[in-house]
Amino acid sequence: MSTDTASVELVGEQTVENVARAALLAALTGAFAYVSFPNPFSPAPVSLQVLGVFLAGILLGPAWGGVSMALYLVAGAVGAPVFAGGSAGVGALLGPTGGYLWSYPVAAFAVGAIVHGGLRLGDPDECGLGRLVAGMVAGTAVIYAFGVVGMALVLGMTLQKAFVAGALAFIPAEAFKMAAAVGVVRSDQITAE
């Protein structure tokens, strides 16, 4: 009887690492959703979820950043309380703030593509501050576009009213999230100096 064994690699090590990172960023985005408070000018709350979207695109690149946010949506859709304020379920994806949620994979992809200068993952440390900010501004534009249209459709608002309530009301909070993302990404450079 022979005891020779052969190993077969079903999934590459790099793929396993990328899936783990994507799941970690999806979970972090879910944790950020608990930092949520009402916005008096909008039916949508202010939360830190978008910070997770920014970090997914910056740290994972366009493809895996988008996958991470798709995992986040699946987790919330099946009942994990990972949406703003601990909400969950398909109802959240179809409600007044559903457009924002649906935008997250596309926004993370856009952030990653701009930050990394294409579809390949590069080193975010090698990317200039202007490119980081441009990526997050583009991601924010995607989020607002989806969110405003979704809010207008679900609540029967005009696009103009939805834009005021769903985008303009959030600009100061988005600037804070962008600064926080830059701080996270550049923290090793700050401590090294």
C-alpha atoms as a PDB file:
ATOM      1  CA  MET A   1       0.000   0.000   0.000  1.00  0.00           C
ATOM      2  CA  SER A   2       1.411   3.332  -1.054  1.00  0.00           C
ATOM      3  CA  THR A   3       1.369   6.351   1.245  1.00  0.00           C
ATOM      4  CA  ASP A   4       2.259   8.912  -1.382  1.00  0.00           C
ATOM      5  CA  THR A   5       0.075  11.984  -1.238  1.00  0.00           C
ATOM      6  CA  ALA A   6      -0.326  14.802  -3.627  1.00  0.00           C
ATOM      7  CA  SER A   7      -1.654  18.199  -2.783  1.00  0.00           C
ATOM      8  CA  VAL A   8      -3.964  20.063  -5.057  1.00  0.00           C
ATOM      9  CA  GLU A   9      -4.334  23.791  -4.763  1.00  0.00           C
ATOM     10  CA  LEU A  10      -8.030  24.490  -5.318  1.00  0.00           C
ATOM     11  CA  VAL A  11      -7.786  28.213  -4.696  1.00  0.00           C
ATOM     12  CA  GLY A  12      -4.608  30.233  -4.943  1.00  0.00           C
ATOM     13  CA  GLU A  13      -3.114  31.737  -1.818  1.00  0.00           C
ATOM     14  CA  GLN A  14      -3.421  35.262  -3.216  1.00  0.00           C
ATOM     15  CA  THR A  15      -7.149  34.744  -3.850  1.00  0.00           C
ATOM     16  CA  VAL A  16      -7.672  33.531  -0.287  1.00  0.00           C
ATOM     17  CA  GLU A  17      -5.842  36.593   1.051  1.00  0.00           C
ATOM     18  CA  ASN A  18      -7.903  38.928  -1.140  1.00  0.00           C
ATOM     19  CA  VAL A  19     -11.190  37.332  -0.065  1.00  0.00           C
ATOM     20  CA  ALA A  20     -10.138  37.643   3.581  1.00  0.00           C
ATOM     21  CA  ARG A  21      -9.235  41.311   3.115  1.00  0.00           C
ATOM     22  CA  ALA A  22     -12.499  41.973   1.285  1.00  0.00           C
ATOM     23  CA  ALA A  23     -14.472  40.313   4.094  1.00  0.00           C
ATOM     24  CA  LEU A  24     -12.548  42.326   6.681  1.00  0.00           C
ATOM     25  CA  LEU A  25     -13.317  45.641   4.941  1.00  0.00           C
ATOM     26  CA  ALA A  26     -16.974  44.596   4.559  1.00  0.00           C
ATOM     27  CA  ALA A  27     -17.128  43.883   8.297  1.00  0.00           C
ATOM     28  CA  LEU A  28     -15.404  47.180   9.085  1.00  0.00           C
ATOM     29  CA  THR A  29     -17.965  49.019   6.948  1.00  0.00           C
ATOM     30  CA  GLY A  30     -20.701  47.259   8.922  1.00  0.00           C
ATOM     31  CA  ALA A  31     -19.093  48.394  12.172  1.00  0.00           C
ATOM     32  CA  PHE A  32     -18.863  51.945  10.822  1.00  0.00           C
ATOM     33  CA  ALA A  33     -22.627  51.820  10.164  1.00  0.00           C
ATOM     34  CA  TYR A  34     -23.237  51.843  13.912  1.00  0.00           C
ATOM     35  CA  VAL A  35     -21.731  55.325  14.103  1.00  0.00           C
ATOM     36  CA  SER A  36     -24.900  56.895  12.789  1.00  0.00           C
ATOM     37  CA  PHE A  37     -26.997  59.881  13.730  1.00  0.00           C
ATOM     38  CA  PRO A  38     -29.976  61.645  12.169  1.00  0.00           C
ATOM     39  CA  ASN A  39     -29.390  64.443   9.709  1.00  0.00           C
ATOM     40  CA  PRO A  40     -32.024  67.140  10.332  1.00  0.00           C
ATOM     41  CA  PHE A  41     -31.946  68.108   6.646  1.00  0.00           C
ATOM     42  CA  SER A  42     -32.374  64.618   5.193  1.00  0.00           C
ATOM     43  CA  PRO A  43     -34.294  61.364   5.610  1.00  0.00           C
ATOM     44  CA  ALA A  44     -30.894  59.606   5.358  1.00  0.00           C
ATOM     45  CA  PRO A  45     -28.726  59.493   8.482  1.00  0.00           C
ATOM     46  CA  VAL A  46     -25.084  60.504   8.643  1.00  0.00           C
ATOM     47  CA  SER A  47     -22.930  57.418   9.185  1.00  0.00           C
ATOM     48  CA  LEU A  48     -19.339  56.346   8.724  1.00  0.00           C
ATOM     49  CA  GLN A  49     -20.175  53.662   6.133  1.00  0.00           C
ATOM     50  CA  VAL A  50     -18.727  55.773   3.330  1.00  0.00           C
ATOM     51  CA  LEU A  51     -15.371  55.755   5.133  1.00  0.00           C
ATOM     52  CA  GLY A  52     -15.436  51.973   4.690  1.00  0.00           C
ATOM     53  CA  VAL A  53     -16.176  52.413   0.984  1.00  0.00           C
ATOM     54  CA  PHE A  54     -13.220  54.793   0.632  1.00  0.00           C
ATOM     55  CA  LEU A  55     -10.864  52.451   2.486  1.00  0.00           C
ATOM     56  CA  ALA A  56     -12.009  49.425   0.477  1.00  0.00           C
ATOM     57  CA  GLY A  57     -11.189  51.162  -2.794  1.00  0.00           C
ATOM     58  CA  ILE A  58      -7.900  52.583  -1.539  1.00  0.00           C
ATOM     59  CA  LEU A  59      -6.583  49.513   0.260  1.00  0.00           C
ATOM     60  CA  LEU A  60      -8.002  46.726  -1.914  1.00  0.00           C
ATOM     61  CA  GLY A  61      -8.030  48.355  -5.338  1.00  0.00           C
ATOM     62  CA  PRO A  62     -10.945  48.559  -7.740  1.00  0.00           C
ATOM     63  CA  ALA A  63     -11.809  44.885  -8.183  1.00  0.00           C
ATOM     64  CA  TRP A  64     -11.478  43.645  -4.623  1.00  0.00           C
ATOM     65  CA  GLY A  65     -12.816  46.913  -3.207  1.00  0.00           C
ATOM     66  CA  GLY A  66     -15.972  46.394  -5.260  1.00  0.00           C
ATOM     67  CA  VAL A  67     -16.151  42.744  -4.161  1.00  0.00           C
ATOM     68  CA  SER A  68     -15.809  43.830  -0.547  1.00  0.00           C
ATOM     69  CA  MET A  69     -18.781  46.164  -0.799  1.00  0.00           C
ATOM     70  CA  ALA A  70     -20.810  43.505  -2.654  1.00  0.00           C
ATOM     71  CA  LEU A  71     -20.121  41.155   0.290  1.00  0.00           C
ATOM     72  CA  TYR A  72     -21.280  43.929   2.604  1.00  0.00           C
ATOM     73  CA  LEU A  73     -24.577  44.253   0.696  1.00  0.00           C
ATOM     74  CA  VAL A  74     -25.139  40.485   0.692  1.00  0.00           C
ATOM     75  CA  ALA A  75     -24.508  40.309   4.438  1.00  0.00           C
ATOM     76  CA  GLY A  76     -27.019  43.076   5.084  1.00  0.00           C
ATOM     77  CA  ALA A  77     -29.580  41.664   2.647  1.00  0.00           C
ATOM     78  CA  VAL A  78     -29.599  38.275   4.397  1.00  0.00           C
ATOM     79  CA  GLY A  79     -30.145  39.862   7.791  1.00  0.00           C
ATOM     80  CA  ALA A  80     -26.809  40.831   9.320  1.00  0.00           C
ATOM     81  CA  PRO A  81     -27.383  44.191  11.052  1.00  0.00           C
ATOM     82  CA  VAL A  82     -24.699  46.036   9.081  1.00  0.00           C
ATOM     83  CA  PHE A  83     -26.587  48.954   7.562  1.00  0.00           C
ATOM     84  CA  ALA A  84     -26.927  52.394   9.192  1.00  0.00           C
ATOM     85  CA  GLY A  85     -27.999  52.169  12.800  1.00  0.00           C
ATOM     86  CA  GLY A  86     -27.941  48.355  12.748  1.00  0.00           C
ATOM     87  CA  SER A  87     -30.686  47.932  10.166  1.00  0.00           C
ATOM     88  CA  ALA A  88     -30.709  44.962   7.808  1.00  0.00           C
ATOM     89  CA  GLY A  89     -32.700  43.157   5.170  1.00  0.00           C
ATOM     90  CA  VAL A  90     -33.898  43.678   1.640  1.00  0.00           C
ATOM     91  CA  GLY A  91     -36.226  46.432   2.878  1.00  0.00           C
ATOM     92  CA  ALA A  92     -33.216  48.633   3.611  1.00  0.00           C
ATOM     93  CA  LEU A  93     -31.961  48.085   0.059  1.00  0.00           C
ATOM     94  CA  LEU A  94     -35.337  49.076  -1.379  1.00  0.00           C
ATOM     95  CA  GLY A  95     -36.079  51.965   0.998  1.00  0.00           C
ATOM     96  CA  PRO A  96     -35.275  55.679   0.798  1.00  0.00           C
ATOM     97  CA  THR A  97     -31.569  55.106   1.505  1.00  0.00           C
ATOM     98  CA  GLY A  98     -31.223  52.009  -0.671  1.00  0.00           C
ATOM     99  CA  GLY A  99     -29.663  53.926  -3.546  1.00  0.00           C
ATOM    100  CA  TYR A 100     -26.713  54.844  -1.372  1.00  0.00           C
ATOM    101  CA  LEU A 101     -26.189  51.211  -0.415  1.00  0.00           C
ATOM    102  CA  TRP A 102     -26.407  49.958  -4.004  1.00  0.00           C
ATOM    103  CA  SER A 103     -23.739  52.464  -4.993  1.00  0.00           C
ATOM    104  CA  TYR A 104     -21.086  51.147  -2.622  1.00  0.00           C
ATOM    105  CA  PRO A 105     -19.544  48.468  -4.905  1.00  0.00           C
ATOM    106  CA  VAL A 106     -19.454  50.902  -7.845  1.00  0.00           C
ATOM    107  CA  ALA A 107     -18.056  53.703  -5.682  1.00  0.00           C
ATOM    108  CA  ALA A 108     -15.328  51.484  -4.185  1.00  0.00           C
ATOM    109  CA  PHE A 109     -14.402  50.412  -7.717  1.00  0.00           C
ATOM    110  CA  ALA A 110     -14.217  54.061  -8.845  1.00  0.00           C
ATOM    111  CA  VAL A 111     -12.112  55.080  -5.845  1.00  0.00           C
ATOM    112  CA  GLY A 112      -9.731  52.170  -6.422  1.00  0.00           C
ATOM    113  CA  ALA A 113      -9.426  52.749 -10.166  1.00  0.00           C
ATOM    114  CA  ILE A 114      -8.505  56.412  -9.697  1.00  0.00           C
ATOM    115  CA  VAL A 115      -6.218  55.923  -6.716  1.00  0.00           C
ATOM    116  CA  HIS A 116      -4.340  53.041  -8.346  1.00  0.00           C
ATOM    117  CA  GLY A 117      -4.408  54.491 -11.854  1.00  0.00           C
ATOM    118  CA  GLY A 118      -6.197  51.518 -13.396  1.00  0.00           C
ATOM    119  CA  LEU A 119      -7.489  48.071 -12.575  1.00  0.00           C
ATOM    120  CA  ARG A 120      -4.384  46.738 -10.854  1.00  0.00           C
ATOM    121  CA  LEU A 121      -3.738  47.153  -7.147  1.00  0.00           C
ATOM    122  CA  GLY A 122      -0.755  49.361  -6.464  1.00  0.00           C
ATOM    123  CA  ASP A 123       0.774  50.762  -3.316  1.00  0.00           C
ATOM    124  CA  PRO A 124      -1.453  53.554  -1.933  1.00  0.00           C
ATOM    125  CA  ASP A 125       1.651  55.089  -0.335  1.00  0.00           C
ATOM    126  CA  GLU A 126       3.009  55.788  -3.816  1.00  0.00           C
ATOM    127  CA  CYS A 127      -0.130  57.661  -4.777  1.00  0.00           C
ATOM    128  CA  GLY A 128      -0.161  61.415  -4.335  1.00  0.00           C
ATOM    129  CA  LEU A 129      -2.617  63.204  -2.084  1.00  0.00           C
ATOM    130  CA  GLY A 130      -4.347  64.741  -5.121  1.00  0.00           C
ATOM    131  CA  ARG A 131      -5.078  61.310  -6.557  1.00  0.00           C
ATOM    132  CA  LEU A 132      -6.370  60.052  -3.201  1.00  0.00           C
ATOM    133  CA  VAL A 133      -8.724  62.996  -2.895  1.00  0.00           C
ATOM    134  CA  ALA A 134      -9.800  62.739  -6.560  1.00  0.00           C
ATOM    135  CA  GLY A 135     -10.655  59.081  -6.055  1.00  0.00           C
ATOM    136  CA  MET A 136     -12.763  59.811  -2.995  1.00  0.00           C
ATOM    137  CA  VAL A 137     -14.493  62.750  -4.686  1.00  0.00           C
ATOM    138  CA  ALA A 138     -15.384  60.472  -7.622  1.00  0.00           C
ATOM    139  CA  GLY A 139     -16.612  57.790  -5.216  1.00  0.00           C
ATOM    140  CA  THR A 140     -18.713  60.375  -3.399  1.00  0.00           C
ATOM    141  CA  ALA A 141     -20.215  61.530  -6.707  1.00  0.00           C
ATOM    142  CA  VAL A 142     -21.214  57.929  -7.484  1.00  0.00           C
ATOM    143  CA  ILE A 143     -22.753  57.502  -4.030  1.00  0.00           C
ATOM    144  CA  TYR A 144     -24.690  60.763  -4.316  1.00  0.00           C
ATOM    145  CA  ALA A 145     -25.912  59.960  -7.832  1.00  0.00           C
ATOM    146  CA  PHE A 146     -27.308  56.578  -6.785  1.00  0.00           C
ATOM    147  CA  GLY A 147     -28.587  57.910  -3.451  1.00  0.00           C
ATOM    148  CA  VAL A 148     -30.325  60.974  -4.847  1.00  0.00           C
ATOM    149  CA  VAL A 149     -32.036  59.040  -7.634  1.00  0.00           C
ATOM    150  CA  GLY A 150     -33.092  56.299  -5.210  1.00  0.00           C
ATOM    151  CA  MET A 151     -34.435  58.821  -2.709  1.00  0.00           C
ATOM    152  CA  ALA A 152     -36.352  60.675  -5.425  1.00  0.00           C
ATOM    153  CA  LEU A 153     -37.923  57.454  -6.728  1.00  0.00           C
ATOM    154  CA  VAL A 154     -38.872  55.988  -3.352  1.00  0.00           C
ATOM    155  CA  LEU A 155     -40.100  59.199  -1.730  1.00  0.00           C
ATOM    156  CA  GLY A 156     -41.626  60.753  -4.859  1.00  0.00           C
ATOM    157  CA  MET A 157     -39.408  63.827  -4.632  1.00  0.00           C
ATOM    158  CA  THR A 158     -38.124  65.924  -7.483  1.00  0.00           C
ATOM    159  CA  LEU A 159     -34.454  65.362  -8.303  1.00  0.00           C
ATOM    160  CA  GLN A 160     -33.710  68.914  -7.143  1.00  0.00           C
ATOM    161  CA  LYS A 161     -35.279  68.351  -3.703  1.00  0.00           C
ATOM    162  CA  ALA A 162     -33.642  64.941  -3.443  1.00  0.00           C
ATOM    163  CA  PHE A 163     -30.267  66.494  -4.326  1.00  0.00           C
ATOM    164  CA  VAL A 164     -30.601  69.065  -1.544  1.00  0.00           C
ATOM    165  CA  ALA A 165     -31.709  66.446   1.005  1.00  0.00           C
ATOM    166  CA  GLY A 166     -29.534  63.587  -0.239  1.00  0.00           C
ATOM    167  CA  ALA A 167     -26.282  65.254  -1.255  1.00  0.00           C
ATOM    168  CA  LEU A 168     -25.855  68.862  -0.139  1.00  0.00           C
ATOM    169  CA  ALA A 169     -26.845  67.979   3.409  1.00  0.00           C
ATOM    170  CA  PHE A 170     -23.885  65.581   3.633  1.00  0.00           C
ATOM    171  CA  ILE A 171     -20.947  67.529   2.190  1.00  0.00           C
ATOM    172  CA  PRO A 172     -19.390  68.516   5.559  1.00  0.00           C
ATOM    173  CA  ALA A 173     -19.567  64.915   6.784  1.00  0.00           C
ATOM    174  CA  GLU A 174     -18.003  63.620   3.554  1.00  0.00           C
ATOM    175  CA  ALA A 175     -15.086  66.035   3.906  1.00  0.00           C
ATOM    176  CA  PHE A 176     -14.470  64.636   7.401  1.00  0.00           C
ATOM    177  CA  LYS A 177     -14.565  61.039   6.082  1.00  0.00           C
ATOM    178  CA  MET A 178     -12.118  61.904   3.310  1.00  0.00           C
ATOM    179  CA  ALA A 179      -9.722  63.443   5.823  1.00  0.00           C
ATOM    180  CA  ALA A 180     -10.059  60.362   8.038  1.00  0.00           C
ATOM    181  CA  ALA A 181      -9.319  58.039   5.106  1.00  0.00           C
ATOM    182  CA  VAL A 182      -6.220  60.042   4.183  1.00  0.00           C
ATOM    183  CA  GLY A 183      -5.142  59.881   7.836  1.00  0.00           C
ATOM    184  CA  VAL A 184      -5.540  56.094   7.907  1.00  0.00           C
ATOM    185  CA  VAL A 185      -3.699  55.565   4.642  1.00  0.00           C
ATOM    186  CA  ARG A 186      -0.905  58.021   5.446  1.00  0.00           C
ATOM    187  CA  SER A 187      -0.571  57.187   9.182  1.00  0.00           C
ATOM    188  CA  ASP A 188       2.581  55.139   8.667  1.00  0.00           C
ATOM    189  CA  GLN A 189       4.209  58.051   6.822  1.00  0.00           C
ATOM    190  CA  ILE A 190       3.260  60.479   9.588  1.00  0.00           C
ATOM    191  CA  THR A 191       4.708  58.259  12.348  1.00  0.00           C
ATOM    192  CA  ALA A 192       7.887  57.578  10.334  1.00  0.00           C
ATOM    193  CA  GLU A 193       8.741  61.280  10.089  1.00  0.00           C
END
